[in-house]
Amino acid sequence: MLPKEYITYQDKLFWIYRKVKQSQIKEGSVTDLKDFWMCDVVVKSRNQNDELLLFLREIEDAIVTEMT
């Protein structure tokens, strides 16, 4: 499965793994969900009247190595 939505946050590229309404998550369990879904960052986003939590996974820069 290829990610469909990308976002730049603090000069790093992330793909949006999950979008969840903040009202659907119990207070204090955001960190548990972040760890369970193996996400690097969680940010808040406002969509009209709803506040969404975006669970993001970082897309790291490619590293070129030489094989001998």
PDB file of N, CA and C in Angstrom:
ATOM      1  N   MET A   1       0.837  -1.175   0.000  1.00  0.00           N
ATOM      2  CA  MET A   1       0.000   0.000   0.000  1.00  0.00           C
ATOM      3  C   MET A   1       0.886   1.244   0.000  1.00  0.00           C
ATOM      4  N   LEU A   2       0.659   2.110  -0.946  1.00  0.00           N
ATOM      5  CA  LEU A   2       1.400   3.356  -1.008  1.00  0.00           C
ATOM      6  C   LEU A   2       0.630   4.454  -0.300  1.00  0.00           C
ATOM      7  N   PRO A   3       1.333   5.287   0.450  1.00  0.00           N
ATOM      8  CA  PRO A   3       0.643   6.401   1.123  1.00  0.00           C
ATOM      9  C   PRO A   3       0.086   7.376   0.095  1.00  0.00           C
ATOM     10  N   LYS A   4      -1.037   7.985   0.424  1.00  0.00           N
ATOM     11  CA  LYS A   4      -1.703   8.883  -0.512  1.00  0.00           C
ATOM     12  C   LYS A   4      -1.572  10.347  -0.128  1.00  0.00           C
ATOM     13  N   GLU A   5      -1.419  10.621   1.139  1.00  0.00           N
ATOM     14  CA  GLU A   5      -1.352  12.007   1.597  1.00  0.00           C
ATOM     15  C   GLU A   5      -0.021  12.275   2.276  1.00  0.00           C
ATOM     16  N   TYR A   6       0.599  13.363   1.863  1.00  0.00           N
ATOM     17  CA  TYR A   6       1.893  13.754   2.414  1.00  0.00           C
ATOM     18  C   TYR A   6       1.784  15.132   3.045  1.00  0.00           C
ATOM     19  N   ILE A   7       2.675  15.398   4.001  1.00  0.00           N
ATOM     20  CA  ILE A   7       2.695  16.695   4.660  1.00  0.00           C
ATOM     21  C   ILE A   7       4.140  17.009   5.033  1.00  0.00           C
ATOM     22  N   THR A   8       4.485  18.284   4.948  1.00  0.00           N
ATOM     23  CA  THR A   8       5.788  18.735   5.404  1.00  0.00           C
ATOM     24  C   THR A   8       5.598  19.391   6.761  1.00  0.00           C
ATOM     25  N   TYR A   9       6.377  18.936   7.726  1.00  0.00           N
ATOM     26  CA  TYR A   9       6.281  19.457   9.092  1.00  0.00           C
ATOM     27  C   TYR A   9       7.693  19.581   9.622  1.00  0.00           C
ATOM     28  N   GLN A  10       8.072  20.777  10.040  1.00  0.00           N
ATOM     29  CA  GLN A  10       9.394  21.092  10.554  1.00  0.00           C
ATOM     30  C   GLN A  10      10.490  20.646   9.584  1.00  0.00           C
ATOM     31  N   ASP A  11      10.309  20.996   8.313  1.00  0.00           N
ATOM     32  CA  ASP A  11      11.263  20.707   7.238  1.00  0.00           C
ATOM     33  C   ASP A  11      11.531  19.220   7.038  1.00  0.00           C
ATOM     34  N   LYS A  12      10.586  18.390   7.397  1.00  0.00           N
ATOM     35  CA  LYS A  12      10.696  16.948   7.164  1.00  0.00           C
ATOM     36  C   LYS A  12       9.440  16.494   6.439  1.00  0.00           C
ATOM     37  N   LEU A  13       9.574  15.451   5.642  1.00  0.00           N
ATOM     38  CA  LEU A  13       8.452  14.922   4.886  1.00  0.00           C
ATOM     39  C   LEU A  13       7.830  13.752   5.647  1.00  0.00           C
ATOM     40  N   PHE A  14       6.501  13.787   5.791  1.00  0.00           N
ATOM     41  CA  PHE A  14       5.757  12.741   6.489  1.00  0.00           C
ATOM     42  C   PHE A  14       4.611  12.276   5.605  1.00  0.00           C
ATOM     43  N   TRP A  15       4.169  11.048   5.819  1.00  0.00           N
ATOM     44  CA  TRP A  15       2.912  10.621   5.212  1.00  0.00           C
ATOM     45  C   TRP A  15       1.899  10.419   6.321  1.00  0.00           C
ATOM     46  N   ILE A  16       0.669  10.779   6.001  1.00  0.00           N
ATOM     47  CA  ILE A  16      -0.405  10.716   6.992  1.00  0.00           C
ATOM     48  C   ILE A  16      -0.877   9.268   7.090  1.00  0.00           C
ATOM     49  N   TYR A  17      -0.595   8.660   8.240  1.00  0.00           N
ATOM     50  CA  TYR A  17      -0.951   7.260   8.459  1.00  0.00           C
ATOM     51  C   TYR A  17      -2.422   7.134   8.855  1.00  0.00           C
ATOM     52  N   ARG A  18      -2.857   7.979   9.781  1.00  0.00           N
ATOM     53  CA  ARG A  18      -4.256   7.967  10.234  1.00  0.00           C
ATOM     54  C   ARG A  18      -4.717   9.378  10.552  1.00  0.00           C
ATOM     55  N   LYS A  19      -6.010   9.622  10.308  1.00  0.00           N
ATOM     56  CA  LYS A  19      -6.677  10.848  10.737  1.00  0.00           C
ATOM     57  C   LYS A  19      -7.791  10.436  11.689  1.00  0.00           C
ATOM     58  N   VAL A  20      -7.776  11.019  12.880  1.00  0.00           N
ATOM     59  CA  VAL A  20      -8.775  10.660  13.893  1.00  0.00           C
ATOM     60  C   VAL A  20      -9.306  11.946  14.513  1.00  0.00           C
ATOM     61  N   LYS A  21     -10.624  12.012  14.690  1.00  0.00           N
ATOM     62  CA  LYS A  21     -11.195  13.153  15.391  1.00  0.00           C
ATOM     63  C   LYS A  21     -10.735  13.123  16.835  1.00  0.00           C
ATOM     64  N   GLN A  22     -10.377  14.274  17.342  1.00  0.00           N
ATOM     65  CA  GLN A  22      -9.869  14.348  18.710  1.00  0.00           C
ATOM     66  C   GLN A  22     -10.919  13.890  19.714  1.00  0.00           C
ATOM     67  N   SER A  23     -12.192  14.115  19.405  1.00  0.00           N
ATOM     68  CA  SER A  23     -13.256  13.721  20.322  1.00  0.00           C
ATOM     69  C   SER A  23     -13.411  12.202  20.417  1.00  0.00           C
ATOM     70  N   GLN A  24     -12.850  11.449  19.494  1.00  0.00           N
ATOM     71  CA  GLN A  24     -12.970   9.991  19.511  1.00  0.00           C
ATOM     72  C   GLN A  24     -11.892   9.314  20.358  1.00  0.00           C
ATOM     73  N   ILE A  25     -10.909  10.084  20.812  1.00  0.00           N
ATOM     74  CA  ILE A  25      -9.805   9.513  21.571  1.00  0.00           C
ATOM     75  C   ILE A  25      -9.890   9.980  23.017  1.00  0.00           C
ATOM     76  N   LYS A  26      -9.727   9.042  23.941  1.00  0.00           N
ATOM     77  CA  LYS A  26      -9.715   9.398  25.357  1.00  0.00           C
ATOM     78  C   LYS A  26      -8.477  10.232  25.662  1.00  0.00           C
ATOM     79  N   GLU A  27      -8.648  11.165  26.580  1.00  0.00           N
ATOM     80  CA  GLU A  27      -7.543  12.018  26.971  1.00  0.00           C
ATOM     81  C   GLU A  27      -6.428  11.178  27.600  1.00  0.00           C
ATOM     82  N   GLY A  28      -5.223  11.396  27.167  1.00  0.00           N
ATOM     83  CA  GLY A  28      -4.081  10.664  27.707  1.00  0.00           C
ATOM     84  C   GLY A  28      -3.718   9.408  26.934  1.00  0.00           C
ATOM     85  N   SER A  29      -4.502   9.026  25.930  1.00  0.00           N
ATOM     86  CA  SER A  29      -4.194   7.808  25.193  1.00  0.00           C
ATOM     87  C   SER A  29      -3.586   8.080  23.817  1.00  0.00           C
ATOM     88  N   VAL A  30      -3.304   9.335  23.517  1.00  0.00           N
ATOM     89  CA  VAL A  30      -2.712   9.678  22.224  1.00  0.00           C
ATOM     90  C   VAL A  30      -1.332   9.044  22.086  1.00  0.00           C
ATOM     91  N   THR A  31      -0.542   9.092  23.129  1.00  0.00           N
ATOM     92  CA  THR A  31       0.802   8.513  23.090  1.00  0.00           C
ATOM     93  C   THR A  31       0.740   7.002  22.884  1.00  0.00           C
ATOM     94  N   ASP A  32      -0.223   6.348  23.527  1.00  0.00           N
ATOM     95  CA  ASP A  32      -0.376   4.907  23.353  1.00  0.00           C
ATOM     96  C   ASP A  32      -0.714   4.559  21.906  1.00  0.00           C
ATOM     97  N   LEU A  33      -1.609   5.333  21.292  1.00  0.00           N
ATOM     98  CA  LEU A  33      -1.958   5.096  19.893  1.00  0.00           C
ATOM     99  C   LEU A  33      -0.775   5.385  18.969  1.00  0.00           C
ATOM    100  N   LYS A  34      -0.031   6.438  19.280  1.00  0.00           N
ATOM    101  CA  LYS A  34       1.144   6.767  18.471  1.00  0.00           C
ATOM    102  C   LYS A  34       2.140   5.605  18.487  1.00  0.00           C
ATOM    103  N   ASP A  35       2.370   5.042  19.641  1.00  0.00           N
ATOM    104  CA  ASP A  35       3.281   3.911  19.758  1.00  0.00           C
ATOM    105  C   ASP A  35       2.711   2.656  19.084  1.00  0.00           C
ATOM    106  N   PHE A  36       1.426   2.410  19.265  1.00  0.00           N
ATOM    107  CA  PHE A  36       0.789   1.225  18.685  1.00  0.00           C
ATOM    108  C   PHE A  36       0.833   1.255  17.163  1.00  0.00           C
ATOM    109  N   TRP A  37       0.583   2.443  16.572  1.00  0.00           N
ATOM    110  CA  TRP A  37       0.602   2.585  15.116  1.00  0.00           C
ATOM    111  C   TRP A  37       2.002   2.882  14.571  1.00  0.00           C
ATOM    112  N   MET A  38       3.000   2.900  15.453  1.00  0.00           N
ATOM    113  CA  MET A  38       4.402   3.141  15.079  1.00  0.00           C
ATOM    114  C   MET A  38       4.573   4.458  14.315  1.00  0.00           C
ATOM    115  N   CYS A  39       3.942   5.505  14.809  1.00  0.00           N
ATOM    116  CA  CYS A  39       4.045   6.821  14.194  1.00  0.00           C
ATOM    117  C   CYS A  39       5.124   7.634  14.889  1.00  0.00           C
ATOM    118  N   ASP A  40       5.694   8.569  14.139  1.00  0.00           N
ATOM    119  CA  ASP A  40       6.763   9.401  14.680  1.00  0.00           C
ATOM    120  C   ASP A  40       6.234  10.654  15.361  1.00  0.00           C
ATOM    121  N   VAL A  41       5.153  11.228  14.813  1.00  0.00           N
ATOM    122  CA  VAL A  41       4.644  12.510  15.298  1.00  0.00           C
ATOM    123  C   VAL A  41       3.122  12.503  15.232  1.00  0.00           C
ATOM    124  N   VAL A  42       2.496  13.216  16.165  1.00  0.00           N
ATOM    125  CA  VAL A  42       1.054  13.454  16.129  1.00  0.00           C
ATOM    126  C   VAL A  42       0.849  14.964  16.161  1.00  0.00           C
ATOM    127  N   VAL A  43       0.090  15.486  15.204  1.00  0.00           N
ATOM    128  CA  VAL A  43      -0.185  16.927  15.161  1.00  0.00           C
ATOM    129  C   VAL A  43      -1.687  17.159  15.092  1.00  0.00           C
ATOM    130  N   LYS A  44      -2.101  18.334  15.572  1.00  0.00           N
ATOM    131  CA  LYS A  44      -3.506  18.721  15.507  1.00  0.00           C
ATOM    132  C   LYS A  44      -3.754  19.497  14.228  1.00  0.00           C
ATOM    133  N   SER A  45      -4.905  19.251  13.626  1.00  0.00           N
ATOM    134  CA  SER A  45      -5.306  19.964  12.421  1.00  0.00           C
ATOM    135  C   SER A  45      -6.776  20.322  12.555  1.00  0.00           C
ATOM    136  N   ARG A  46      -7.112  21.536  12.204  1.00  0.00           N
ATOM    137  CA  ARG A  46      -8.518  21.954  12.265  1.00  0.00           C
ATOM    138  C   ARG A  46      -9.136  21.818  10.887  1.00  0.00           C
ATOM    139  N   ASN A  47     -10.264  21.127  10.840  1.00  0.00           N
ATOM    140  CA  ASN A  47     -11.008  20.930   9.608  1.00  0.00           C
ATOM    141  C   ASN A  47     -12.408  21.485   9.850  1.00  0.00           C
ATOM    142  N   GLN A  48     -12.645  22.703   9.415  1.00  0.00           N
ATOM    143  CA  GLN A  48     -13.874  23.440   9.678  1.00  0.00           C
ATOM    144  C   GLN A  48     -14.080  23.527  11.186  1.00  0.00           C
ATOM    145  N   ASN A  49     -15.040  22.806  11.761  1.00  0.00           N
ATOM    146  CA  ASN A  49     -15.303  22.881  13.200  1.00  0.00           C
ATOM    147  C   ASN A  49     -14.646  21.748  13.976  1.00  0.00           C
ATOM    148  N   ASP A  50     -14.199  20.718  13.279  1.00  0.00           N
ATOM    149  CA  ASP A  50     -13.626  19.550  13.948  1.00  0.00           C
ATOM    150  C   ASP A  50     -12.120  19.705  14.096  1.00  0.00           C
ATOM    151  N   GLU A  51     -11.595  19.185  15.190  1.00  0.00           N
ATOM    152  CA  GLU A  51     -10.159  19.105  15.374  1.00  0.00           C
ATOM    153  C   GLU A  51      -9.739  17.670  15.117  1.00  0.00           C
ATOM    154  N   LEU A  52      -8.824  17.497  14.189  1.00  0.00           N
ATOM    155  CA  LEU A  52      -8.324  16.180  13.846  1.00  0.00           C
ATOM    156  C   LEU A  52      -6.931  15.989  14.409  1.00  0.00           C
ATOM    157  N   LEU A  53      -6.615  14.765  14.748  1.00  0.00           N
ATOM    158  CA  LEU A  53      -5.254  14.399  15.098  1.00  0.00           C
ATOM    159  C   LEU A  53      -4.689  13.634  13.914  1.00  0.00           C
ATOM    160  N   LEU A  54      -3.557  14.089  13.422  1.00  0.00           N
ATOM    161  CA  LEU A  54      -2.900  13.435  12.298  1.00  0.00           C
ATOM    162  C   LEU A  54      -1.734  12.625  12.841  1.00  0.00           C
ATOM    163  N   PHE A  55      -1.768  11.337  12.620  1.00  0.00           N
ATOM    164  CA  PHE A  55      -0.690  10.451  13.032  1.00  0.00           C
ATOM    165  C   PHE A  55       0.239  10.301  11.830  1.00  0.00           C
ATOM    166  N   LEU A  56       1.480  10.745  11.992  1.00  0.00           N
ATOM    167  CA  LEU A  56       2.405  10.860  10.870  1.00  0.00           C
ATOM    168  C   LEU A  56       3.575   9.904  11.007  1.00  0.00           C
ATOM    169  N   ARG A  57       3.989   9.384   9.861  1.00  0.00           N
ATOM    170  CA  ARG A  57       5.214   8.586   9.781  1.00  0.00           C
ATOM    171  C   ARG A  57       6.197   9.329   8.886  1.00  0.00           C
ATOM    172  N   GLU A  58       7.432   9.414   9.358  1.00  0.00           N
ATOM    173  CA  GLU A  58       8.442  10.175   8.623  1.00  0.00           C
ATOM    174  C   GLU A  58       8.959   9.381   7.430  1.00  0.00           C
ATOM    175  N   ILE A  59       9.166  10.101   6.324  1.00  0.00           N
ATOM    176  CA  ILE A  59       9.818   9.541   5.144  1.00  0.00           C
ATOM    177  C   ILE A  59      11.244  10.047   5.187  1.00  0.00           C
ATOM    178  N   GLU A  60      12.154   9.156   5.490  1.00  0.00           N
ATOM    179  CA  GLU A  60      13.541   9.563   5.663  1.00  0.00           C
ATOM    180  C   GLU A  60      14.211   9.771   4.312  1.00  0.00           C
ATOM    181  N   ASP A  61      15.250  10.605   4.314  1.00  0.00           N
ATOM    182  CA  ASP A  61      16.017  10.844   3.115  1.00  0.00           C
ATOM    183  C   ASP A  61      16.748   9.569   2.720  1.00  0.00           C
ATOM    184  N   ALA A  62      16.903   9.388   1.423  1.00  0.00           N
ATOM    185  CA  ALA A  62      17.635   8.210   0.927  1.00  0.00           C
ATOM    186  C   ALA A  62      19.125   8.378   1.204  1.00  0.00           C
ATOM    187  N   ILE A  63      19.757   7.296   1.552  1.00  0.00           N
ATOM    188  CA  ILE A  63      21.198   7.289   1.801  1.00  0.00           C
ATOM    189  C   ILE A  63      21.844   6.414   0.735  1.00  0.00           C
ATOM    190  N   VAL A  64      22.754   6.993  -0.016  1.00  0.00           N
ATOM    191  CA  VAL A  64      23.446   6.264  -1.070  1.00  0.00           C
ATOM    192  C   VAL A  64      24.745   5.709  -0.497  1.00  0.00           C
ATOM    193  N   THR A  65      24.903   4.413  -0.630  1.00  0.00           N
ATOM    194  CA  THR A  65      26.126   3.774  -0.147  1.00  0.00           C
ATOM    195  C   THR A  65      26.763   2.989  -1.289  1.00  0.00           C
ATOM    196  N   GLU A  66      28.045   2.809  -1.213  1.00  0.00           N
ATOM    197  CA  GLU A  66      28.755   2.033  -2.214  1.00  0.00           C
ATOM    198  C   GLU A  66      29.005   0.639  -1.678  1.00  0.00           C
ATOM    199  N   MET A  67      28.802  -0.329  -2.538  1.00  0.00           N
ATOM    200  CA  MET A  67      29.099  -1.698  -2.151  1.00  0.00           C
ATOM    201  C   MET A  67      30.388  -2.103  -2.861  1.00  0.00           C
ATOM    202  N   THR A  68      31.282  -2.733  -2.127  1.00  0.00           N
ATOM    203  CA  THR A  68      32.548  -3.138  -2.729  1.00  0.00           C
ATOM    204  C   THR A  68      32.604  -4.624  -2.947  1.00  0.00           C
TER     205      THR A  68
END
